[in-house]
Amino acid sequence: MDNIIKKDVSKTIKLNTQLDVIRFTQVASKCKGRVDCLEDNRNIDGKSILGVLSMDLSEPITVVFHDTYEEAEFLNEIREWEV
């Protein structure tokens, strides 16, 4: 438990397929707090498949995880989408 993040974590990711969106929302759902996907002036719930699919997926997405999450697990699970 020494490597627990107790602050917001922001990453830029790129989701290329609908399967990526499904897998990303599954990872986001593991967080107990909010997960925000930022696009222009919109804040999209990162746990919502329909919400994330409504975004412009041709562009990278900034994601903010507002939670305590084990750093190694979090970084490992989103590494494939990082830009």
N, C-alpha and C. Protein backbone atom coordinates (compact mmCIF):
# COMPACT_ATOMS: atom_id res chain seq x y z
N MET A 1 0.81 -1.20 0.00
CA MET A 1 0.00 0.00 0.00
C MET A 1 0.86 1.26 0.00
N ASP A 2 2.17 1.13 -0.11
CA ASP A 2 3.05 2.30 -0.08
C ASP A 2 2.92 3.15 -1.34
N ASN A 3 2.49 2.57 -2.43
CA ASN A 3 2.45 3.29 -3.70
C ASN A 3 1.04 3.76 -4.06
N ILE A 4 0.31 4.28 -3.09
CA ILE A 4 -1.05 4.75 -3.34
C ILE A 4 -1.03 6.24 -3.64
N ILE A 5 -1.73 6.63 -4.69
CA ILE A 5 -1.85 8.03 -5.07
C ILE A 5 -3.03 8.61 -4.29
N LYS A 6 -2.83 9.75 -3.65
CA LYS A 6 -3.92 10.39 -2.91
C LYS A 6 -4.22 11.75 -3.49
N LYS A 7 -4.11 11.89 -4.80
CA LYS A 7 -4.36 13.16 -5.46
C LYS A 7 -4.94 12.87 -6.83
N ASP A 8 -5.33 13.92 -7.51
CA ASP A 8 -5.84 13.77 -8.87
C ASP A 8 -4.70 13.38 -9.80
N VAL A 9 -5.01 12.49 -10.73
CA VAL A 9 -4.03 12.06 -11.72
C VAL A 9 -4.59 12.42 -13.09
N SER A 10 -3.82 13.15 -13.87
CA SER A 10 -4.25 13.58 -15.19
C SER A 10 -3.36 12.94 -16.24
N LYS A 11 -3.97 12.36 -17.27
CA LYS A 11 -3.24 11.73 -18.36
C LYS A 11 -3.91 12.08 -19.68
N THR A 12 -3.12 12.11 -20.73
CA THR A 12 -3.66 12.29 -22.07
C THR A 12 -3.63 10.93 -22.75
N ILE A 13 -4.78 10.50 -23.25
CA ILE A 13 -4.89 9.19 -23.87
C ILE A 13 -5.52 9.31 -25.25
N LYS A 14 -5.42 8.24 -26.02
CA LYS A 14 -6.06 8.17 -27.34
C LYS A 14 -6.77 6.82 -27.42
N LEU A 15 -8.08 6.87 -27.58
CA LEU A 15 -8.89 5.66 -27.73
C LEU A 15 -9.21 5.52 -29.21
N ASN A 16 -8.78 4.43 -29.83
CA ASN A 16 -8.88 4.27 -31.28
C ASN A 16 -10.10 3.49 -31.74
N THR A 17 -10.63 2.63 -30.89
CA THR A 17 -11.74 1.77 -31.30
C THR A 17 -12.83 1.76 -30.23
N GLN A 18 -13.98 1.23 -30.59
CA GLN A 18 -15.05 1.09 -29.60
C GLN A 18 -14.64 0.12 -28.50
N LEU A 19 -13.86 -0.89 -28.83
CA LEU A 19 -13.36 -1.82 -27.82
C LEU A 19 -12.45 -1.09 -26.82
N ASP A 20 -11.63 -0.15 -27.32
CA ASP A 20 -10.82 0.66 -26.41
C ASP A 20 -11.70 1.44 -25.44
N VAL A 21 -12.80 1.99 -25.93
CA VAL A 21 -13.72 2.75 -25.08
C VAL A 21 -14.31 1.84 -24.01
N ILE A 22 -14.74 0.66 -24.41
CA ILE A 22 -15.31 -0.29 -23.45
C ILE A 22 -14.29 -0.65 -22.38
N ARG A 23 -13.07 -0.98 -22.80
CA ARG A 23 -12.02 -1.36 -21.84
C ARG A 23 -11.64 -0.19 -20.95
N PHE A 24 -11.56 1.03 -21.53
CA PHE A 24 -11.23 2.20 -20.73
C PHE A 24 -12.31 2.44 -19.66
N THR A 25 -13.57 2.36 -20.03
CA THR A 25 -14.64 2.60 -19.05
C THR A 25 -14.63 1.53 -17.95
N GLN A 26 -14.20 0.34 -18.27
CA GLN A 26 -14.05 -0.70 -17.24
C GLN A 26 -12.96 -0.33 -16.25
N VAL A 27 -11.83 0.18 -16.76
CA VAL A 27 -10.75 0.64 -15.88
C VAL A 27 -11.24 1.81 -15.03
N ALA A 28 -11.91 2.77 -15.67
CA ALA A 28 -12.42 3.95 -14.96
C ALA A 28 -13.41 3.55 -13.87
N SER A 29 -14.19 2.52 -14.12
CA SER A 29 -15.20 2.08 -13.15
C SER A 29 -14.59 1.50 -11.89
N LYS A 30 -13.33 1.12 -11.94
CA LYS A 30 -12.64 0.61 -10.75
C LYS A 30 -12.34 1.73 -9.76
N CYS A 31 -12.32 2.97 -10.23
CA CYS A 31 -12.04 4.11 -9.35
C CYS A 31 -13.28 4.42 -8.53
N LYS A 32 -13.07 4.68 -7.26
CA LYS A 32 -14.20 5.00 -6.39
C LYS A 32 -14.68 6.42 -6.59
N GLY A 33 -13.78 7.30 -7.01
CA GLY A 33 -14.14 8.71 -7.22
C GLY A 33 -14.52 8.98 -8.66
N ARG A 34 -14.62 10.27 -8.99
CA ARG A 34 -14.98 10.69 -10.35
C ARG A 34 -13.84 10.44 -11.32
N VAL A 35 -14.21 10.20 -12.57
CA VAL A 35 -13.27 10.14 -13.67
C VAL A 35 -13.82 11.08 -14.74
N ASP A 36 -13.09 12.15 -15.01
CA ASP A 36 -13.55 13.14 -15.98
C ASP A 36 -12.75 13.04 -17.27
N CYS A 37 -13.44 13.03 -18.39
CA CYS A 37 -12.83 13.12 -19.71
C CYS A 37 -13.13 14.53 -20.21
N LEU A 38 -12.09 15.28 -20.49
CA LEU A 38 -12.25 16.69 -20.84
C LEU A 38 -12.17 16.87 -22.35
N GLU A 39 -13.15 17.60 -22.88
CA GLU A 39 -13.20 17.90 -24.31
C GLU A 39 -13.76 19.30 -24.47
N ASP A 40 -12.95 20.22 -24.99
CA ASP A 40 -13.37 21.61 -25.16
C ASP A 40 -13.99 22.12 -23.86
N ASN A 41 -15.25 22.46 -23.88
CA ASN A 41 -15.93 22.98 -22.69
C ASN A 41 -16.78 21.92 -22.00
N ARG A 42 -16.58 20.66 -22.36
CA ARG A 42 -17.41 19.58 -21.79
C ARG A 42 -16.60 18.72 -20.83
N ASN A 43 -17.26 18.28 -19.79
CA ASN A 43 -16.74 17.32 -18.84
C ASN A 43 -17.57 16.06 -18.99
N ILE A 44 -16.99 14.99 -19.49
CA ILE A 44 -17.72 13.75 -19.73
C ILE A 44 -17.37 12.75 -18.63
N ASP A 45 -18.36 12.02 -18.15
CA ASP A 45 -18.15 10.98 -17.15
C ASP A 45 -17.38 9.83 -17.80
N GLY A 46 -16.16 9.59 -17.34
CA GLY A 46 -15.31 8.55 -17.90
C GLY A 46 -15.79 7.13 -17.62
N LYS A 47 -16.78 7.00 -16.75
CA LYS A 47 -17.33 5.68 -16.46
C LYS A 47 -18.51 5.35 -17.37
N SER A 48 -18.91 6.31 -18.19
CA SER A 48 -20.07 6.15 -19.07
C SER A 48 -19.63 5.80 -20.49
N ILE A 49 -19.97 4.60 -20.93
CA ILE A 49 -19.61 4.19 -22.29
C ILE A 49 -20.22 5.15 -23.30
N LEU A 50 -21.50 5.46 -23.15
CA LEU A 50 -22.15 6.38 -24.10
C LEU A 50 -21.54 7.77 -24.04
N GLY A 51 -21.19 8.22 -22.84
CA GLY A 51 -20.56 9.53 -22.71
C GLY A 51 -19.24 9.59 -23.45
N VAL A 52 -18.40 8.59 -23.25
CA VAL A 52 -17.08 8.58 -23.91
C VAL A 52 -17.25 8.41 -25.42
N LEU A 53 -18.20 7.58 -25.84
CA LEU A 53 -18.44 7.41 -27.28
C LEU A 53 -18.95 8.70 -27.93
N SER A 54 -19.54 9.59 -27.15
CA SER A 54 -20.05 10.85 -27.71
C SER A 54 -18.93 11.86 -27.97
N MET A 55 -17.73 11.54 -27.50
CA MET A 55 -16.60 12.46 -27.67
C MET A 55 -15.99 12.31 -29.07
N ASP A 56 -15.20 13.30 -29.47
CA ASP A 56 -14.46 13.24 -30.72
C ASP A 56 -13.24 12.35 -30.50
N LEU A 57 -13.36 11.08 -30.85
CA LEU A 57 -12.29 10.11 -30.58
C LEU A 57 -11.15 10.20 -31.58
N SER A 58 -11.25 11.10 -32.55
CA SER A 58 -10.14 11.30 -33.49
C SER A 58 -9.04 12.14 -32.85
N GLU A 59 -9.35 12.75 -31.70
CA GLU A 59 -8.39 13.58 -30.98
C GLU A 59 -8.05 12.93 -29.64
N PRO A 60 -6.84 13.21 -29.11
CA PRO A 60 -6.51 12.72 -27.76
C PRO A 60 -7.46 13.31 -26.72
N ILE A 61 -7.63 12.59 -25.64
CA ILE A 61 -8.54 12.97 -24.56
C ILE A 61 -7.72 13.17 -23.29
N THR A 62 -8.01 14.25 -22.56
CA THR A 62 -7.41 14.44 -21.24
C THR A 62 -8.34 13.81 -20.22
N VAL A 63 -7.79 12.92 -19.41
CA VAL A 63 -8.58 12.21 -18.40
C VAL A 63 -8.04 12.57 -17.03
N VAL A 64 -8.95 12.91 -16.11
CA VAL A 64 -8.57 13.22 -14.74
C VAL A 64 -9.27 12.22 -13.82
N PHE A 65 -8.45 11.46 -13.09
CA PHE A 65 -8.96 10.51 -12.11
C PHE A 65 -8.92 11.20 -10.75
N HIS A 66 -10.08 11.36 -10.11
CA HIS A 66 -10.19 11.98 -8.79
C HIS A 66 -10.39 10.87 -7.77
N ASP A 67 -9.31 10.22 -7.38
CA ASP A 67 -9.47 9.05 -6.52
C ASP A 67 -8.14 8.64 -5.92
N THR A 68 -8.23 7.83 -4.91
CA THR A 68 -7.05 7.11 -4.43
C THR A 68 -7.01 5.80 -5.20
N TYR A 69 -5.94 5.57 -5.89
CA TYR A 69 -5.83 4.42 -6.77
C TYR A 69 -4.40 3.93 -6.72
N GLU A 70 -4.20 2.65 -6.69
CA GLU A 70 -2.83 2.16 -6.63
C GLU A 70 -2.09 2.52 -7.90
N GLU A 71 -1.02 3.26 -7.75
CA GLU A 71 -0.29 3.85 -8.88
C GLU A 71 0.15 2.81 -9.90
N ALA A 72 0.76 1.74 -9.47
CA ALA A 72 1.29 0.75 -10.41
C ALA A 72 0.17 0.14 -11.24
N GLU A 73 -0.94 -0.20 -10.61
CA GLU A 73 -2.06 -0.80 -11.33
C GLU A 73 -2.67 0.20 -12.32
N PHE A 74 -2.89 1.42 -11.87
CA PHE A 74 -3.46 2.46 -12.72
C PHE A 74 -2.59 2.71 -13.95
N LEU A 75 -1.31 2.96 -13.73
CA LEU A 75 -0.40 3.26 -14.84
C LEU A 75 -0.29 2.09 -15.80
N ASN A 76 -0.30 0.91 -15.27
CA ASN A 76 -0.22 -0.29 -16.11
C ASN A 76 -1.48 -0.45 -16.97
N GLU A 77 -2.64 -0.17 -16.41
CA GLU A 77 -3.89 -0.39 -17.14
C GLU A 77 -4.15 0.66 -18.22
N ILE A 78 -3.62 1.87 -18.07
CA ILE A 78 -3.88 2.89 -19.11
C ILE A 78 -2.69 3.10 -20.02
N ARG A 79 -1.59 2.43 -19.77
CA ARG A 79 -0.36 2.64 -20.55
C ARG A 79 -0.58 2.48 -22.05
N GLU A 80 -1.37 1.52 -22.46
CA GLU A 80 -1.56 1.27 -23.89
C GLU A 80 -2.26 2.42 -24.62
N TRP A 81 -2.95 3.29 -23.88
CA TRP A 81 -3.67 4.41 -24.53
C TRP A 81 -2.96 5.74 -24.38
N GLU A 82 -1.90 5.79 -23.58
CA GLU A 82 -1.21 7.07 -23.35
C GLU A 82 -0.62 7.62 -24.64
N VAL A 83 -0.67 8.94 -24.74
CA VAL A 83 -0.12 9.62 -25.91
C VAL A 83 1.22 10.19 -25.53
